[in-house]
Amino acid sequence: MWWGGHWGWMSGGFMILFWIAAIIAFVFFIRWLIQQGGRPGGAGHQQETALDILKNRYARGEIDKNEFDQKKKDLGG
C-alpha cells in the first residue's frame, strides 16, 4: 500500500512539472514569434533588395561614387 501511494504522488508531481515546462515553452515560443516580427525579413517586413544594400553602403562611405555607379549599372538599375 505504501508504494502505491508513493508512486501516485510521484506521477502527480511529474504531471505538475510537465505542465509548468509546457507553459514556459509556450511563453518562450510566443516571445520568439514576437521578436521575429521586428526583424528585417520577419513578418510584415520586405526583404532588402540588392540596390537598397548598395545605396546603404554608399551612404556609409564604404564605396565611392564610381564604384556605386558601376555596381548599380551591373544590377541593371
N, C-alpha and C. Protein backbone atom coordinates (compact mmCIF):
# COMPACT_ATOMS: atom_id res chain seq x y z
N MET A 1 0.81 -1.19 0.00
CA MET A 1 0.00 0.00 0.00
C MET A 1 0.86 1.26 0.00
N TRP A 2 1.91 1.26 0.78
CA TRP A 2 2.73 2.45 0.86
C TRP A 2 3.36 2.80 -0.48
N TRP A 3 3.84 1.76 -1.22
CA TRP A 3 4.47 2.02 -2.52
C TRP A 3 3.48 2.62 -3.50
N GLY A 4 2.24 2.14 -3.46
CA GLY A 4 1.23 2.67 -4.38
C GLY A 4 1.01 4.16 -4.13
N GLY A 5 0.97 4.58 -2.86
CA GLY A 5 0.80 5.98 -2.54
C GLY A 5 2.00 6.80 -2.96
N HIS A 6 3.17 6.24 -2.82
CA HIS A 6 4.41 6.94 -3.19
C HIS A 6 4.44 7.20 -4.69
N TRP A 7 4.14 6.21 -5.51
CA TRP A 7 4.17 6.38 -6.96
C TRP A 7 3.04 7.28 -7.42
N GLY A 8 1.93 7.25 -6.73
CA GLY A 8 0.84 8.16 -7.08
C GLY A 8 1.26 9.60 -6.89
N TRP A 9 1.96 9.89 -5.81
CA TRP A 9 2.45 11.25 -5.56
C TRP A 9 3.48 11.65 -6.60
N MET A 10 4.37 10.70 -6.96
CA MET A 10 5.41 10.98 -7.95
C MET A 10 4.80 11.30 -9.30
N SER A 11 3.80 10.53 -9.73
CA SER A 11 3.20 10.79 -11.03
C SER A 11 2.47 12.14 -11.02
N GLY A 12 1.85 12.50 -9.91
CA GLY A 12 1.21 13.81 -9.79
C GLY A 12 2.24 14.92 -9.84
N GLY A 13 3.36 14.72 -9.20
CA GLY A 13 4.44 15.72 -9.22
C GLY A 13 5.02 15.89 -10.62
N PHE A 14 5.19 14.77 -11.32
CA PHE A 14 5.70 14.86 -12.69
C PHE A 14 4.69 15.55 -13.60
N MET A 15 3.41 15.33 -13.35
CA MET A 15 2.39 15.98 -14.17
C MET A 15 2.43 17.49 -13.96
N ILE A 16 2.62 17.92 -12.73
CA ILE A 16 2.73 19.36 -12.46
C ILE A 16 3.98 19.93 -13.13
N LEU A 17 5.11 19.22 -13.02
CA LEU A 17 6.34 19.67 -13.68
C LEU A 17 6.17 19.72 -15.19
N PHE A 18 5.47 18.74 -15.75
CA PHE A 18 5.22 18.74 -17.19
C PHE A 18 4.45 19.98 -17.61
N TRP A 19 3.39 20.32 -16.89
CA TRP A 19 2.58 21.49 -17.26
C TRP A 19 3.33 22.79 -17.06
N ILE A 20 4.15 22.87 -16.04
CA ILE A 20 4.98 24.07 -15.83
C ILE A 20 5.95 24.22 -17.01
N ALA A 21 6.61 23.12 -17.40
CA ALA A 21 7.54 23.16 -18.52
C ALA A 21 6.81 23.52 -19.83
N ALA A 22 5.61 22.98 -20.02
CA ALA A 22 4.85 23.28 -21.23
C ALA A 22 4.47 24.76 -21.28
N ILE A 23 4.08 25.35 -20.17
CA ILE A 23 3.73 26.77 -20.12
C ILE A 23 4.95 27.63 -20.40
N ILE A 24 6.08 27.29 -19.79
CA ILE A 24 7.32 28.04 -20.02
C ILE A 24 7.73 27.96 -21.49
N ALA A 25 7.65 26.77 -22.09
CA ALA A 25 7.99 26.61 -23.50
C ALA A 25 7.06 27.45 -24.37
N PHE A 26 5.79 27.48 -24.04
CA PHE A 26 4.82 28.27 -24.79
C PHE A 26 5.14 29.76 -24.71
N VAL A 27 5.49 30.23 -23.53
CA VAL A 27 5.84 31.65 -23.36
C VAL A 27 7.08 32.00 -24.18
N PHE A 28 8.11 31.15 -24.16
CA PHE A 28 9.30 31.41 -24.94
C PHE A 28 9.00 31.38 -26.44
N PHE A 29 8.12 30.49 -26.86
CA PHE A 29 7.73 30.41 -28.27
C PHE A 29 7.02 31.69 -28.71
N ILE A 30 6.12 32.20 -27.90
CA ILE A 30 5.42 33.44 -28.21
C ILE A 30 6.41 34.60 -28.27
N ARG A 31 7.33 34.68 -27.32
CA ARG A 31 8.34 35.76 -27.34
C ARG A 31 9.19 35.68 -28.61
N TRP A 32 9.55 34.46 -29.02
CA TRP A 32 10.33 34.27 -30.23
C TRP A 32 9.55 34.75 -31.45
N LEU A 33 8.26 34.42 -31.52
CA LEU A 33 7.44 34.88 -32.64
C LEU A 33 7.36 36.40 -32.69
N ILE A 34 7.21 37.03 -31.55
CA ILE A 34 7.13 38.50 -31.49
C ILE A 34 8.44 39.11 -31.96
N GLN A 35 9.57 38.56 -31.54
CA GLN A 35 10.86 39.08 -31.95
C GLN A 35 11.09 38.90 -33.44
N GLN A 36 10.59 37.82 -34.03
CA GLN A 36 10.74 37.61 -35.46
C GLN A 36 9.99 38.67 -36.26
N GLY A 37 8.90 39.18 -35.71
CA GLY A 37 8.13 40.21 -36.39
C GLY A 37 8.86 41.54 -36.43
N GLY A 38 9.83 41.77 -35.56
CA GLY A 38 10.54 43.04 -35.51
C GLY A 38 11.83 43.07 -36.30
N ARG A 39 12.21 41.97 -36.92
CA ARG A 39 13.47 41.91 -37.65
C ARG A 39 13.23 42.06 -39.15
N PRO A 40 14.21 42.61 -39.86
CA PRO A 40 14.09 42.64 -41.31
C PRO A 40 13.95 41.23 -41.85
N GLY A 41 13.01 41.04 -42.74
CA GLY A 41 12.75 39.71 -43.27
C GLY A 41 11.74 38.94 -42.45
N GLY A 42 11.37 39.47 -41.29
CA GLY A 42 10.36 38.82 -40.46
C GLY A 42 8.97 39.16 -40.97
N ALA A 43 7.98 38.76 -40.22
CA ALA A 43 6.60 39.01 -40.62
C ALA A 43 6.35 40.51 -40.77
N GLY A 44 5.74 40.90 -41.88
CA GLY A 44 5.40 42.29 -42.10
C GLY A 44 6.53 43.15 -42.64
N HIS A 45 7.66 42.55 -42.95
CA HIS A 45 8.80 43.31 -43.48
C HIS A 45 9.18 42.74 -44.83
N GLN A 46 9.57 43.63 -45.74
CA GLN A 46 10.04 43.18 -47.05
C GLN A 46 11.55 42.96 -46.98
N GLN A 47 12.01 42.04 -47.81
CA GLN A 47 13.44 41.80 -47.90
C GLN A 47 14.12 43.01 -48.53
N GLU A 48 15.31 43.30 -48.07
CA GLU A 48 16.09 44.40 -48.62
C GLU A 48 16.64 43.96 -49.98
N THR A 49 16.48 44.80 -50.99
CA THR A 49 16.96 44.47 -52.32
C THR A 49 18.46 44.75 -52.42
N ALA A 50 19.06 44.22 -53.48
CA ALA A 50 20.48 44.46 -53.71
C ALA A 50 20.77 45.95 -53.89
N LEU A 51 19.86 46.65 -54.55
CA LEU A 51 20.04 48.08 -54.75
C LEU A 51 19.96 48.83 -53.42
N ASP A 52 19.06 48.40 -52.52
CA ASP A 52 18.99 49.01 -51.19
C ASP A 52 20.30 48.83 -50.43
N ILE A 53 20.86 47.64 -50.51
CA ILE A 53 22.12 47.36 -49.83
C ILE A 53 23.23 48.24 -50.42
N LEU A 54 23.23 48.34 -51.75
CA LEU A 54 24.23 49.17 -52.42
C LEU A 54 24.11 50.63 -51.99
N LYS A 55 22.89 51.14 -51.94
CA LYS A 55 22.67 52.53 -51.51
C LYS A 55 23.14 52.73 -50.07
N ASN A 56 22.87 51.78 -49.21
CA ASN A 56 23.30 51.88 -47.81
C ASN A 56 24.83 51.88 -47.70
N ARG A 57 25.49 51.05 -48.49
CA ARG A 57 26.96 51.02 -48.46
C ARG A 57 27.54 52.35 -48.93
N TYR A 58 26.92 52.92 -49.97
CA TYR A 58 27.37 54.22 -50.47
C TYR A 58 27.14 55.31 -49.42
N ALA A 59 25.99 55.26 -48.76
CA ALA A 59 25.67 56.26 -47.73
C ALA A 59 26.63 56.17 -46.54
N ARG A 60 27.09 54.97 -46.20
CA ARG A 60 28.02 54.79 -45.09
C ARG A 60 29.46 55.10 -45.50
N GLY A 61 29.69 55.33 -46.79
CA GLY A 61 31.04 55.64 -47.23
C GLY A 61 31.92 54.44 -47.49
N GLU A 62 31.31 53.25 -47.56
CA GLU A 62 32.09 52.03 -47.80
C GLU A 62 32.57 51.95 -49.25
N ILE A 63 31.82 52.57 -50.16
CA ILE A 63 32.21 52.59 -51.57
C ILE A 63 32.12 54.02 -52.09
N ASP A 64 32.90 54.31 -53.14
CA ASP A 64 32.86 55.67 -53.69
C ASP A 64 31.82 55.74 -54.82
N LYS A 65 31.66 56.95 -55.40
CA LYS A 65 30.64 57.18 -56.41
C LYS A 65 30.87 56.33 -57.65
N ASN A 66 32.12 56.22 -58.09
CA ASN A 66 32.41 55.41 -59.28
C ASN A 66 32.03 53.95 -59.07
N GLU A 67 32.40 53.40 -57.92
CA GLU A 67 32.06 52.01 -57.63
C GLU A 67 30.55 51.84 -57.50
N PHE A 68 29.89 52.82 -56.87
CA PHE A 68 28.43 52.78 -56.75
C PHE A 68 27.78 52.75 -58.12
N ASP A 69 28.21 53.67 -59.00
CA ASP A 69 27.63 53.74 -60.34
C ASP A 69 27.86 52.46 -61.13
N GLN A 70 29.07 51.90 -61.02
CA GLN A 70 29.37 50.67 -61.75
C GLN A 70 28.52 49.51 -61.25
N LYS A 71 28.42 49.37 -59.94
CA LYS A 71 27.63 48.27 -59.37
C LYS A 71 26.14 48.45 -59.66
N LYS A 72 25.70 49.69 -59.64
CA LYS A 72 24.29 49.97 -59.96
C LYS A 72 24.01 49.58 -61.42
N LYS A 73 24.96 49.89 -62.30
CA LYS A 73 24.83 49.52 -63.71
C LYS A 73 24.81 48.00 -63.85
N ASP A 74 25.67 47.32 -63.11
CA ASP A 74 25.73 45.86 -63.14
C ASP A 74 24.41 45.23 -62.69
N LEU A 75 23.76 45.89 -61.74
CA LEU A 75 22.48 45.39 -61.23
C LEU A 75 21.32 45.69 -62.19
N GLY A 76 21.57 46.55 -63.15
CA GLY A 76 20.52 46.89 -64.10
C GLY A 76 19.65 48.04 -63.65
N GLY A 77 20.13 48.81 -62.68
CA GLY A 77 19.31 49.90 -62.16
C GLY A 77 19.72 51.24 -62.53
